[in-house]
Amino acid sequence: MDIPELGPLTPQKSNVITRAIGRLLLFVFRWQVTGKVHNAPKFVMVWAPHTSYWDFFIAHASRLAVGFKSSWLFAIRQAMGPVRVILQRLGGIPIDRSTSHNVVSQIVETFNASDSLLLAISPEGAQGKVDKWKTGFWYIAVQAGVPVQLVSLDYEKRVTECGPVIELSDDIDADMKRIQNYFKGIKAKNPEKFGGEYL
């Protein structure tokens, strides 16, 4: 199995065992990983489509196989005590929706305080079909001054593709159209659920 190698700057957390587990899972799923994970200490990874629970397993098998370290968001009120500790050790970043600080500000502060951080986000925000993609990732990336890498899960080709890296502009509409255009030809697990503005 041909697995992309990571550059020295990309956040990494793996060993022989975790990489072997990831590659075994990809073999079982008859899945591949193509392209290159961005070689930078801090960036946002935007992945789509997200129409099934299978996306979670495919994405994590791909992450394990390649060996990069990614973080994701969870609400503090949904995970307290030991559960919160476990989620943080797995890469979760707790966010507090009850304070005056909004989520974007909290994550930008986390980026600014970190030497390295790869934040993985699905802009659809849910497995069901959405009318409009969430744009929080755009505001996070722009305010933190980090690029965005697009990653697709294509069920027709059975491939996780590490796609282009985009330096965002100050025009959110133009950037969102550019980002969503990349995902237009991707076959979701449940194609009828894949949509949203510009798609």
N, C-alpha and C. Protein backbone atom coordinates (compact mmCIF):
# COMPACT_ATOMS: atom_id res chain seq x y z
N MET A 1 0.85 -1.20 0.00
CA MET A 1 0.00 0.00 0.00
C MET A 1 0.88 1.25 0.00
N ASP A 2 0.63 2.16 -0.92
CA ASP A 2 1.41 3.38 -1.06
C ASP A 2 0.78 4.47 -0.20
N ILE A 3 1.46 4.82 0.91
CA ILE A 3 0.95 5.81 1.84
C ILE A 3 1.82 7.06 1.76
N PRO A 4 1.21 8.25 1.67
CA PRO A 4 2.01 9.49 1.62
C PRO A 4 2.89 9.65 2.85
N GLU A 5 4.08 10.18 2.63
CA GLU A 5 4.98 10.46 3.74
C GLU A 5 4.77 11.89 4.22
N LEU A 6 4.96 12.10 5.51
CA LEU A 6 4.77 13.42 6.09
C LEU A 6 6.04 14.23 6.02
N GLY A 7 5.88 15.55 5.83
CA GLY A 7 7.02 16.44 5.90
C GLY A 7 7.40 16.70 7.35
N PRO A 8 8.58 17.24 7.59
CA PRO A 8 9.06 17.41 8.97
C PRO A 8 8.28 18.42 9.79
N LEU A 9 7.56 19.33 9.15
CA LEU A 9 6.85 20.37 9.89
C LEU A 9 5.43 19.98 10.28
N THR A 10 4.87 18.98 9.62
CA THR A 10 3.50 18.56 9.88
C THR A 10 3.36 17.97 11.28
N PRO A 11 2.36 18.37 12.06
CA PRO A 11 2.13 17.75 13.37
C PRO A 11 1.99 16.24 13.23
N GLN A 12 2.74 15.50 14.04
CA GLN A 12 2.75 14.04 13.91
C GLN A 12 2.57 13.39 15.27
N LYS A 13 1.87 12.25 15.24
CA LYS A 13 1.73 11.45 16.44
C LYS A 13 1.43 10.03 16.00
N SER A 14 2.47 9.23 15.90
CA SER A 14 2.28 7.87 15.42
C SER A 14 3.46 7.01 15.83
N ASN A 15 3.26 5.72 15.71
CA ASN A 15 4.33 4.76 15.89
C ASN A 15 4.05 3.59 14.95
N VAL A 16 4.90 2.61 14.99
CA VAL A 16 4.75 1.49 14.07
C VAL A 16 3.40 0.80 14.24
N ILE A 17 2.95 0.69 15.49
CA ILE A 17 1.69 -0.02 15.75
C ILE A 17 0.49 0.76 15.23
N THR A 18 0.42 2.06 15.54
CA THR A 18 -0.74 2.85 15.10
C THR A 18 -0.80 2.94 13.57
N ARG A 19 0.37 3.11 12.94
CA ARG A 19 0.38 3.16 11.47
C ARG A 19 -0.06 1.82 10.87
N ALA A 20 0.37 0.73 11.50
CA ALA A 20 -0.02 -0.60 11.02
C ALA A 20 -1.52 -0.82 11.17
N ILE A 21 -2.09 -0.35 12.29
CA ILE A 21 -3.54 -0.46 12.49
C ILE A 21 -4.28 0.32 11.42
N GLY A 22 -3.84 1.55 11.17
CA GLY A 22 -4.49 2.36 10.15
C GLY A 22 -4.41 1.73 8.77
N ARG A 23 -3.28 1.18 8.43
CA ARG A 23 -3.11 0.57 7.11
C ARG A 23 -3.91 -0.72 6.99
N LEU A 24 -4.03 -1.45 8.09
CA LEU A 24 -4.86 -2.65 8.08
C LEU A 24 -6.32 -2.28 7.86
N LEU A 25 -6.77 -1.22 8.54
CA LEU A 25 -8.16 -0.78 8.36
C LEU A 25 -8.42 -0.35 6.92
N LEU A 26 -7.49 0.38 6.33
CA LEU A 26 -7.65 0.79 4.94
C LEU A 26 -7.69 -0.42 4.01
N PHE A 27 -6.88 -1.42 4.31
CA PHE A 27 -6.89 -2.65 3.51
C PHE A 27 -8.26 -3.34 3.61
N VAL A 28 -8.79 -3.41 4.84
CA VAL A 28 -10.10 -4.03 5.05
C VAL A 28 -11.19 -3.24 4.32
N PHE A 29 -11.10 -1.90 4.36
CA PHE A 29 -12.08 -1.05 3.70
C PHE A 29 -11.86 -0.98 2.19
N ARG A 30 -10.73 -1.55 1.72
CA ARG A 30 -10.32 -1.45 0.31
C ARG A 30 -10.20 0.02 -0.09
N TRP A 31 -9.46 0.76 0.74
CA TRP A 31 -9.37 2.20 0.61
C TRP A 31 -7.91 2.63 0.42
N GLN A 32 -7.70 3.80 -0.18
CA GLN A 32 -6.37 4.34 -0.39
C GLN A 32 -6.29 5.78 0.10
N VAL A 33 -5.06 6.26 0.30
CA VAL A 33 -4.82 7.67 0.60
C VAL A 33 -3.88 8.20 -0.47
N THR A 34 -4.26 9.32 -1.10
CA THR A 34 -3.42 9.91 -2.13
C THR A 34 -3.12 11.37 -1.79
N GLY A 35 -2.16 11.94 -2.50
CA GLY A 35 -1.78 13.33 -2.27
C GLY A 35 -0.81 13.45 -1.12
N LYS A 36 -0.63 14.66 -0.63
CA LYS A 36 0.30 14.95 0.45
C LYS A 36 -0.37 15.80 1.52
N VAL A 37 -0.15 15.44 2.77
CA VAL A 37 -0.59 16.30 3.86
C VAL A 37 0.33 17.52 3.88
N HIS A 38 -0.25 18.70 4.05
CA HIS A 38 0.51 19.95 4.01
C HIS A 38 1.66 19.92 5.01
N ASN A 39 2.82 20.36 4.56
CA ASN A 39 4.01 20.38 5.40
C ASN A 39 4.14 21.75 6.07
N ALA A 40 3.39 21.93 7.14
CA ALA A 40 3.40 23.18 7.90
C ALA A 40 2.98 22.87 9.33
N PRO A 41 3.44 23.65 10.30
CA PRO A 41 3.10 23.35 11.70
C PRO A 41 1.67 23.69 12.09
N LYS A 42 1.05 24.66 11.37
CA LYS A 42 -0.30 25.08 11.73
C LYS A 42 -1.15 25.30 10.48
N PHE A 43 -2.29 24.61 10.42
CA PHE A 43 -3.25 24.84 9.34
C PHE A 43 -4.58 24.19 9.69
N VAL A 44 -5.60 24.52 8.91
CA VAL A 44 -6.93 23.93 9.07
C VAL A 44 -7.14 22.93 7.95
N MET A 45 -7.56 21.73 8.29
CA MET A 45 -7.88 20.70 7.30
C MET A 45 -9.39 20.61 7.18
N VAL A 46 -9.91 20.94 6.00
CA VAL A 46 -11.34 20.91 5.74
C VAL A 46 -11.66 19.65 4.95
N TRP A 47 -12.49 18.78 5.54
CA TRP A 47 -12.78 17.51 4.85
C TRP A 47 -14.28 17.36 4.58
N ALA A 48 -14.57 16.73 3.46
CA ALA A 48 -15.95 16.49 3.02
C ALA A 48 -15.89 15.38 1.96
N PRO A 49 -17.02 14.76 1.64
CA PRO A 49 -18.36 14.93 2.21
C PRO A 49 -18.46 14.25 3.59
N HIS A 50 -19.50 14.64 4.31
CA HIS A 50 -19.80 14.00 5.59
C HIS A 50 -21.29 13.64 5.60
N THR A 51 -21.59 12.43 5.13
CA THR A 51 -22.99 12.01 5.01
C THR A 51 -23.28 10.70 5.72
N SER A 52 -22.28 10.14 6.43
CA SER A 52 -22.44 8.82 7.04
C SER A 52 -21.49 8.66 8.21
N TYR A 53 -21.85 7.76 9.13
CA TYR A 53 -20.93 7.41 10.22
C TYR A 53 -19.65 6.80 9.67
N TRP A 54 -19.73 6.18 8.49
CA TRP A 54 -18.54 5.58 7.89
C TRP A 54 -17.45 6.61 7.65
N ASP A 55 -17.83 7.86 7.41
CA ASP A 55 -16.84 8.90 7.15
C ASP A 55 -15.87 9.03 8.33
N PHE A 56 -16.41 8.90 9.54
CA PHE A 56 -15.58 9.00 10.74
C PHE A 56 -14.51 7.91 10.74
N PHE A 57 -14.93 6.68 10.44
CA PHE A 57 -13.98 5.56 10.47
C PHE A 57 -12.95 5.67 9.34
N ILE A 58 -13.40 6.08 8.16
CA ILE A 58 -12.48 6.24 7.04
C ILE A 58 -11.46 7.34 7.33
N ALA A 59 -11.94 8.46 7.83
CA ALA A 59 -11.05 9.59 8.12
C ALA A 59 -10.02 9.22 9.17
N HIS A 60 -10.45 8.52 10.22
CA HIS A 60 -9.50 8.17 11.28
C HIS A 60 -8.55 7.05 10.85
N ALA A 61 -9.01 6.13 10.04
CA ALA A 61 -8.10 5.11 9.50
C ALA A 61 -7.05 5.77 8.63
N SER A 62 -7.45 6.75 7.85
CA SER A 62 -6.50 7.48 7.00
C SER A 62 -5.49 8.24 7.85
N ARG A 63 -5.98 8.88 8.91
CA ARG A 63 -5.09 9.63 9.80
C ARG A 63 -4.07 8.71 10.45
N LEU A 64 -4.54 7.57 10.95
CA LEU A 64 -3.63 6.62 11.59
C LEU A 64 -2.59 6.09 10.60
N ALA A 65 -3.05 5.76 9.40
CA ALA A 65 -2.15 5.17 8.40
C ALA A 65 -1.05 6.14 8.00
N VAL A 66 -1.40 7.42 7.84
CA VAL A 66 -0.40 8.42 7.43
C VAL A 66 0.44 8.87 8.63
N GLY A 67 -0.21 9.01 9.79
CA GLY A 67 0.54 9.32 11.01
C GLY A 67 0.51 10.78 11.43
N PHE A 68 -0.36 11.60 10.83
CA PHE A 68 -0.40 13.00 11.27
C PHE A 68 -1.27 13.15 12.51
N LYS A 69 -1.02 14.20 13.25
CA LYS A 69 -1.77 14.49 14.48
C LYS A 69 -2.78 15.59 14.18
N SER A 70 -4.05 15.28 14.34
CA SER A 70 -5.09 16.29 14.08
C SER A 70 -5.94 16.50 15.32
N SER A 71 -6.47 17.70 15.42
CA SER A 71 -7.36 18.04 16.53
C SER A 71 -8.74 18.35 15.97
N TRP A 72 -9.73 18.27 16.84
CA TRP A 72 -11.11 18.51 16.47
C TRP A 72 -11.82 19.13 17.66
N LEU A 73 -13.05 19.59 17.47
CA LEU A 73 -13.75 20.35 18.50
C LEU A 73 -14.82 19.54 19.20
N PHE A 74 -14.99 19.79 20.50
CA PHE A 74 -16.13 19.23 21.22
C PHE A 74 -16.58 20.21 22.28
N ALA A 75 -17.87 20.20 22.57
CA ALA A 75 -18.45 21.12 23.54
C ALA A 75 -18.17 20.63 24.97
N ILE A 76 -17.73 21.55 25.81
CA ILE A 76 -17.41 21.20 27.20
C ILE A 76 -18.62 20.59 27.91
N ARG A 77 -19.79 21.15 27.70
CA ARG A 77 -20.98 20.68 28.41
C ARG A 77 -21.38 19.26 28.01
N GLN A 78 -20.87 18.80 26.86
CA GLN A 78 -21.20 17.46 26.40
C GLN A 78 -20.20 16.42 26.90
N ALA A 79 -19.13 16.88 27.53
CA ALA A 79 -18.11 15.94 28.00
C ALA A 79 -17.41 16.52 29.22
N MET A 80 -17.77 16.00 30.38
CA MET A 80 -17.19 16.48 31.63
C MET A 80 -16.35 15.38 32.28
N GLY A 81 -15.52 15.77 33.23
CA GLY A 81 -14.74 14.82 34.01
C GLY A 81 -13.81 13.96 33.18
N PRO A 82 -13.78 12.65 33.46
CA PRO A 82 -12.87 11.73 32.77
C PRO A 82 -13.07 11.69 31.25
N VAL A 83 -14.32 11.84 30.82
CA VAL A 83 -14.60 11.80 29.38
C VAL A 83 -13.89 12.96 28.69
N ARG A 84 -13.94 14.12 29.31
CA ARG A 84 -13.27 15.29 28.74
C ARG A 84 -11.76 15.06 28.64
N VAL A 85 -11.18 14.48 29.68
CA VAL A 85 -9.74 14.20 29.67
C VAL A 85 -9.38 13.25 28.54
N ILE A 86 -10.19 12.21 28.37
CA ILE A 86 -9.95 11.22 27.31
C ILE A 86 -10.04 11.88 25.94
N LEU A 87 -11.08 12.69 25.72
CA LEU A 87 -11.26 13.35 24.43
C LEU A 87 -10.10 14.29 24.12
N GLN A 88 -9.61 14.99 25.14
CA GLN A 88 -8.48 15.89 24.91
C GLN A 88 -7.22 15.11 24.57
N ARG A 89 -7.03 13.97 25.20
CA ARG A 89 -5.85 13.15 24.88
C ARG A 89 -5.92 12.58 23.47
N LEU A 90 -7.15 12.43 22.97
CA LEU A 90 -7.34 11.92 21.61
C LEU A 90 -7.25 13.02 20.56
N GLY A 91 -7.05 14.26 21.03
CA GLY A 91 -6.90 15.37 20.09
C GLY A 91 -8.03 16.37 20.11
N GLY A 92 -9.04 16.14 20.96
CA GLY A 92 -10.16 17.05 21.03
C GLY A 92 -9.81 18.37 21.70
N ILE A 93 -10.39 19.44 21.20
CA ILE A 93 -10.22 20.77 21.79
C ILE A 93 -11.55 21.19 22.39
N PRO A 94 -11.61 21.41 23.71
CA PRO A 94 -12.89 21.79 24.34
C PRO A 94 -13.26 23.23 24.02
N ILE A 95 -14.53 23.45 23.69
CA ILE A 95 -15.01 24.80 23.45
C ILE A 95 -16.19 25.07 24.37
N ASP A 96 -16.25 26.30 24.85
CA ASP A 96 -17.30 26.68 25.80
C ASP A 96 -18.27 27.61 25.09
N ARG A 97 -19.48 27.12 24.79
CA ARG A 97 -20.47 27.91 24.09
C ARG A 97 -21.28 28.80 25.03
N SER A 98 -21.04 28.67 26.35
CA SER A 98 -21.86 29.42 27.31
C SER A 98 -21.24 30.77 27.67
N THR A 99 -20.01 31.04 27.22
CA THR A 99 -19.35 32.29 27.59
C THR A 99 -19.56 33.34 26.51
N SER A 100 -19.14 34.55 26.82
CA SER A 100 -19.26 35.63 25.85
C SER A 100 -18.26 35.45 24.71
N HIS A 101 -17.19 34.69 24.96
CA HIS A 101 -16.23 34.39 23.89
C HIS A 101 -16.91 33.45 22.90
N ASN A 102 -16.87 33.76 21.63
CA ASN A 102 -17.45 32.83 20.67
C ASN A 102 -16.43 31.75 20.32
N VAL A 103 -16.90 30.73 19.60
CA VAL A 103 -16.05 29.58 19.29
C VAL A 103 -14.85 30.00 18.44
N VAL A 104 -15.08 30.85 17.45
CA VAL A 104 -13.98 31.28 16.58
C VAL A 104 -12.86 31.91 17.40
N SER A 105 -13.22 32.81 18.31
CA SER A 105 -12.21 33.47 19.14
C SER A 105 -11.45 32.48 19.99
N GLN A 106 -12.15 31.50 20.56
CA GLN A 106 -11.50 30.49 21.39
C GLN A 106 -10.47 29.69 20.59
N ILE A 107 -10.84 29.30 19.35
CA ILE A 107 -9.93 28.49 18.55
C ILE A 107 -8.77 29.33 18.03
N VAL A 108 -9.02 30.57 17.67
CA VAL A 108 -7.93 31.45 17.24
C VAL A 108 -6.93 31.62 18.37
N GLU A 109 -7.41 31.78 19.59
CA GLU A 109 -6.52 31.88 20.74
C GLU A 109 -5.69 30.61 20.91
N THR A 110 -6.33 29.45 20.67
CA THR A 110 -5.61 28.17 20.76
C THR A 110 -4.52 28.11 19.69
N PHE A 111 -4.84 28.52 18.47
CA PHE A 111 -3.83 28.55 17.41
C PHE A 111 -2.66 29.46 17.81
N ASN A 112 -2.98 30.65 18.29
CA ASN A 112 -1.93 31.61 18.64
C ASN A 112 -1.04 31.13 19.77
N ALA A 113 -1.60 30.30 20.65
CA ALA A 113 -0.84 29.81 21.80
C ALA A 113 -0.09 28.51 21.49
N SER A 114 -0.30 27.95 20.31
CA SER A 114 0.29 26.65 19.97
C SER A 114 1.46 26.80 19.01
N ASP A 115 2.48 25.96 19.21
CA ASP A 115 3.59 25.91 18.26
C ASP A 115 3.20 25.12 17.02
N SER A 116 2.30 24.16 17.20
CA SER A 116 1.81 23.37 16.07
C SER A 116 0.38 22.95 16.34
N LEU A 117 -0.45 22.99 15.30
CA LEU A 117 -1.85 22.61 15.44
C LEU A 117 -2.44 22.36 14.06
N LEU A 118 -2.96 21.16 13.86
CA LEU A 118 -3.70 20.81 12.66
C LEU A 118 -5.14 20.57 13.11
N LEU A 119 -6.02 21.49 12.72
CA LEU A 119 -7.42 21.40 13.12
C LEU A 119 -8.25 20.85 11.97
N ALA A 120 -8.87 19.68 12.18
CA ALA A 120 -9.70 19.05 11.15
C ALA A 120 -11.17 19.38 11.38
N ILE A 121 -11.83 19.89 10.34
CA ILE A 121 -13.22 20.32 10.45
C ILE A 121 -14.01 19.86 9.23
N SER A 122 -15.23 19.37 9.49
CA SER A 122 -16.18 19.10 8.41
C SER A 122 -17.16 20.28 8.35
N PRO A 123 -17.11 21.10 7.31
CA PRO A 123 -17.96 22.29 7.26
C PRO A 123 -19.45 22.01 7.11
N GLU A 124 -19.80 20.77 6.75
CA GLU A 124 -21.22 20.45 6.69
C GLU A 124 -21.82 20.43 8.09
N GLY A 125 -21.02 20.04 9.07
CA GLY A 125 -21.44 20.10 10.46
C GLY A 125 -22.41 19.02 10.91
N ALA A 126 -22.92 18.24 9.98
CA ALA A 126 -23.87 17.18 10.32
C ALA A 126 -23.91 16.18 9.17
N GLN A 127 -24.42 14.98 9.47
CA GLN A 127 -24.47 13.95 8.44
C GLN A 127 -25.64 14.12 7.48
N GLY A 128 -26.69 14.77 7.93
CA GLY A 128 -27.83 15.01 7.06
C GLY A 128 -27.53 16.13 6.07
N LYS A 129 -28.32 16.22 5.01
CA LYS A 129 -28.10 17.27 4.02
C LYS A 129 -28.34 18.64 4.63
N VAL A 130 -27.44 19.57 4.36
CA VAL A 130 -27.56 20.92 4.89
C VAL A 130 -27.77 21.91 3.75
N ASP A 131 -28.44 23.01 4.05
CA ASP A 131 -28.69 24.03 3.03
C ASP A 131 -27.50 24.94 2.82
N LYS A 132 -26.69 25.07 3.86
CA LYS A 132 -25.54 25.97 3.78
C LYS A 132 -24.42 25.45 4.66
N TRP A 133 -23.22 25.42 4.12
CA TRP A 133 -22.07 24.98 4.91
C TRP A 133 -21.74 25.99 6.00
N LYS A 134 -21.24 25.50 7.12
CA LYS A 134 -20.79 26.38 8.20
C LYS A 134 -19.47 27.03 7.77
N THR A 135 -19.31 28.29 8.10
CA THR A 135 -18.13 29.04 7.65
C THR A 135 -17.16 29.36 8.79
N GLY A 136 -17.37 28.76 9.96
CA GLY A 136 -16.49 29.03 11.09
C GLY A 136 -15.04 28.75 10.77
N PHE A 137 -14.77 27.68 9.99
CA PHE A 137 -13.39 27.33 9.67
C PHE A 137 -12.71 28.47 8.91
N TRP A 138 -13.48 29.17 8.04
CA TRP A 138 -12.92 30.28 7.25
C TRP A 138 -12.47 31.40 8.18
N TYR A 139 -13.34 31.76 9.13
CA TYR A 139 -13.00 32.84 10.07
C TYR A 139 -11.83 32.44 10.97
N ILE A 140 -11.80 31.17 11.38
CA ILE A 140 -10.68 30.70 12.20
C ILE A 140 -9.38 30.82 11.42
N ALA A 141 -9.35 30.32 10.19
CA ALA A 141 -8.12 30.33 9.40
C ALA A 141 -7.65 31.75 9.09
N VAL A 142 -8.60 32.62 8.72
CA VAL A 142 -8.25 34.01 8.38
C VAL A 142 -7.71 34.74 9.61
N GLN A 143 -8.40 34.61 10.74
CA GLN A 143 -7.98 35.34 11.93
C GLN A 143 -6.70 34.77 12.55
N ALA A 144 -6.48 33.47 12.37
CA ALA A 144 -5.26 32.86 12.90
C ALA A 144 -4.11 32.98 11.91
N GLY A 145 -4.42 33.40 10.67
CA GLY A 145 -3.37 33.56 9.67
C GLY A 145 -2.78 32.25 9.20
N VAL A 146 -3.63 31.22 9.07
CA VAL A 146 -3.14 29.90 8.65
C VAL A 146 -3.86 29.47 7.37
N PRO A 147 -3.23 28.62 6.57
CA PRO A 147 -3.86 28.14 5.34
C PRO A 147 -4.87 27.03 5.60
N VAL A 148 -5.58 26.67 4.55
CA VAL A 148 -6.57 25.60 4.61
C VAL A 148 -6.19 24.53 3.59
N GLN A 149 -6.21 23.26 4.02
CA GLN A 149 -6.03 22.16 3.07
C GLN A 149 -7.34 21.43 2.90
N LEU A 150 -7.69 21.13 1.66
CA LEU A 150 -8.94 20.43 1.35
C LEU A 150 -8.67 18.94 1.23
N VAL A 151 -9.50 18.14 1.91
CA VAL A 151 -9.35 16.68 1.90
C VAL A 151 -10.71 16.07 1.60
N SER A 152 -10.76 15.19 0.61
CA SER A 152 -12.03 14.59 0.20
C SER A 152 -12.06 13.10 0.48
N LEU A 153 -13.27 12.60 0.75
CA LEU A 153 -13.52 11.17 0.91
C LEU A 153 -14.39 10.73 -0.25
N ASP A 154 -13.81 10.07 -1.23
CA ASP A 154 -14.51 9.70 -2.45
C ASP A 154 -14.86 8.22 -2.42
N TYR A 155 -16.16 7.92 -2.28
CA TYR A 155 -16.59 6.53 -2.15
C TYR A 155 -16.66 5.80 -3.49
N GLU A 156 -16.65 6.53 -4.58
CA GLU A 156 -16.61 5.88 -5.89
C GLU A 156 -15.21 5.37 -6.19
N LYS A 157 -14.21 6.20 -5.90
CA LYS A 157 -12.81 5.81 -6.12
C LYS A 157 -12.22 5.09 -4.91
N ARG A 158 -12.93 5.19 -3.77
CA ARG A 158 -12.46 4.63 -2.50
C ARG A 158 -11.09 5.22 -2.13
N VAL A 159 -11.08 6.54 -2.10
CA VAL A 159 -9.85 7.28 -1.89
C VAL A 159 -10.07 8.45 -0.94
N THR A 160 -9.14 8.60 0.02
CA THR A 160 -9.01 9.85 0.76
C THR A 160 -7.95 10.66 0.03
N GLU A 161 -8.36 11.79 -0.53
CA GLU A 161 -7.41 12.60 -1.30
C GLU A 161 -7.02 13.84 -0.52
N CYS A 162 -5.73 13.96 -0.23
CA CYS A 162 -5.21 15.18 0.39
C CYS A 162 -5.00 16.18 -0.73
N GLY A 163 -5.91 17.13 -0.85
CA GLY A 163 -5.96 18.02 -2.00
C GLY A 163 -5.19 19.32 -1.81
N PRO A 164 -5.65 20.36 -2.51
CA PRO A 164 -4.90 21.62 -2.54
C PRO A 164 -4.87 22.36 -1.21
N VAL A 165 -3.83 23.16 -1.07
CA VAL A 165 -3.69 24.05 0.08
C VAL A 165 -4.04 25.46 -0.40
N ILE A 166 -4.93 26.11 0.31
CA ILE A 166 -5.44 27.41 -0.10
C ILE A 166 -5.08 28.48 0.92
N GLU A 167 -4.51 29.57 0.43
CA GLU A 167 -4.33 30.76 1.25
C GLU A 167 -5.59 31.60 1.04
N LEU A 168 -6.34 31.80 2.10
CA LEU A 168 -7.62 32.47 1.98
C LEU A 168 -7.46 33.98 1.74
N SER A 169 -8.47 34.56 1.09
CA SER A 169 -8.48 35.99 0.82
C SER A 169 -9.37 36.68 1.85
N ASP A 170 -9.74 37.93 1.56
CA ASP A 170 -10.69 38.61 2.44
C ASP A 170 -12.10 38.56 1.87
N ASP A 171 -12.30 37.73 0.84
CA ASP A 171 -13.61 37.58 0.19
C ASP A 171 -14.15 36.19 0.49
N ILE A 172 -15.01 36.09 1.49
CA ILE A 172 -15.50 34.78 1.93
C ILE A 172 -16.33 34.10 0.85
N ASP A 173 -17.13 34.86 0.10
CA ASP A 173 -17.94 34.24 -0.95
C ASP A 173 -17.07 33.60 -2.03
N ALA A 174 -16.05 34.31 -2.46
CA ALA A 174 -15.15 33.77 -3.49
C ALA A 174 -14.40 32.56 -2.97
N ASP A 175 -13.95 32.62 -1.73
CA ASP A 175 -13.21 31.49 -1.15
C ASP A 175 -14.12 30.27 -1.00
N MET A 176 -15.35 30.48 -0.53
CA MET A 176 -16.26 29.35 -0.34
C MET A 176 -16.63 28.70 -1.67
N LYS A 177 -16.82 29.51 -2.70
CA LYS A 177 -17.10 28.94 -4.01
C LYS A 177 -15.93 28.11 -4.51
N ARG A 178 -14.74 28.63 -4.32
CA ARG A 178 -13.53 27.91 -4.74
C ARG A 178 -13.40 26.59 -3.98
N ILE A 179 -13.65 26.64 -2.67
CA ILE A 179 -13.54 25.44 -1.84
C ILE A 179 -14.60 24.42 -2.22
N GLN A 180 -15.85 24.86 -2.36
CA GLN A 180 -16.91 23.91 -2.67
C GLN A 180 -16.81 23.36 -4.08
N ASN A 181 -16.27 24.15 -5.00
CA ASN A 181 -16.07 23.65 -6.37
C ASN A 181 -15.12 22.45 -6.39
N TYR A 182 -14.16 22.45 -5.47
CA TYR A 182 -13.24 21.31 -5.40
C TYR A 182 -13.98 20.01 -5.08
N PHE A 183 -15.02 20.10 -4.26
CA PHE A 183 -15.73 18.91 -3.81
C PHE A 183 -16.88 18.49 -4.73
N LYS A 184 -17.16 19.26 -5.79
CA LYS A 184 -18.33 18.99 -6.62
C LYS A 184 -18.34 17.59 -7.22
N GLY A 185 -17.21 17.10 -7.68
CA GLY A 185 -17.19 15.80 -8.35
C GLY A 185 -16.97 14.62 -7.42
N ILE A 186 -16.97 14.86 -6.12
CA ILE A 186 -16.69 13.79 -5.16
C ILE A 186 -17.97 13.01 -4.86
N LYS A 187 -17.84 11.68 -4.85
CA LYS A 187 -19.00 10.81 -4.60
C LYS A 187 -19.08 10.49 -3.10
N ALA A 188 -20.12 10.98 -2.46
CA ALA A 188 -20.32 10.74 -1.03
C ALA A 188 -20.86 9.33 -0.79
N LYS A 189 -20.79 8.88 0.45
CA LYS A 189 -21.39 7.60 0.83
C LYS A 189 -22.89 7.63 0.54
N ASN A 190 -23.53 8.74 0.91
CA ASN A 190 -24.96 8.94 0.62
C ASN A 190 -25.08 10.21 -0.22
N PRO A 191 -24.98 10.09 -1.55
CA PRO A 191 -24.94 11.26 -2.42
C PRO A 191 -26.14 12.20 -2.27
N GLU A 192 -27.29 11.64 -1.93
CA GLU A 192 -28.48 12.48 -1.82
C GLU A 192 -28.40 13.45 -0.64
N LYS A 193 -27.48 13.20 0.30
CA LYS A 193 -27.33 14.06 1.46
C LYS A 193 -26.23 15.11 1.28
N PHE A 194 -25.48 15.01 0.18
CA PHE A 194 -24.35 15.91 -0.02
C PHE A 194 -24.79 17.13 -0.81
N GLY A 195 -24.74 18.27 -0.18
CA GLY A 195 -25.17 19.49 -0.87
C GLY A 195 -24.83 20.69 -0.05
N GLY A 196 -25.54 21.75 -0.30
CA GLY A 196 -25.29 23.00 0.39
C GLY A 196 -25.09 24.12 -0.62
N GLU A 197 -25.00 25.31 -0.12
CA GLU A 197 -24.86 26.48 -0.98
C GLU A 197 -23.64 26.35 -1.88
N TYR A 198 -23.80 26.70 -3.14
CA TYR A 198 -22.79 26.68 -4.21
C TYR A 198 -22.58 25.31 -4.80
N LEU A 199 -23.09 24.22 -4.15
CA LEU A 199 -22.87 22.88 -4.68
C LEU A 199 -23.99 22.50 -5.63
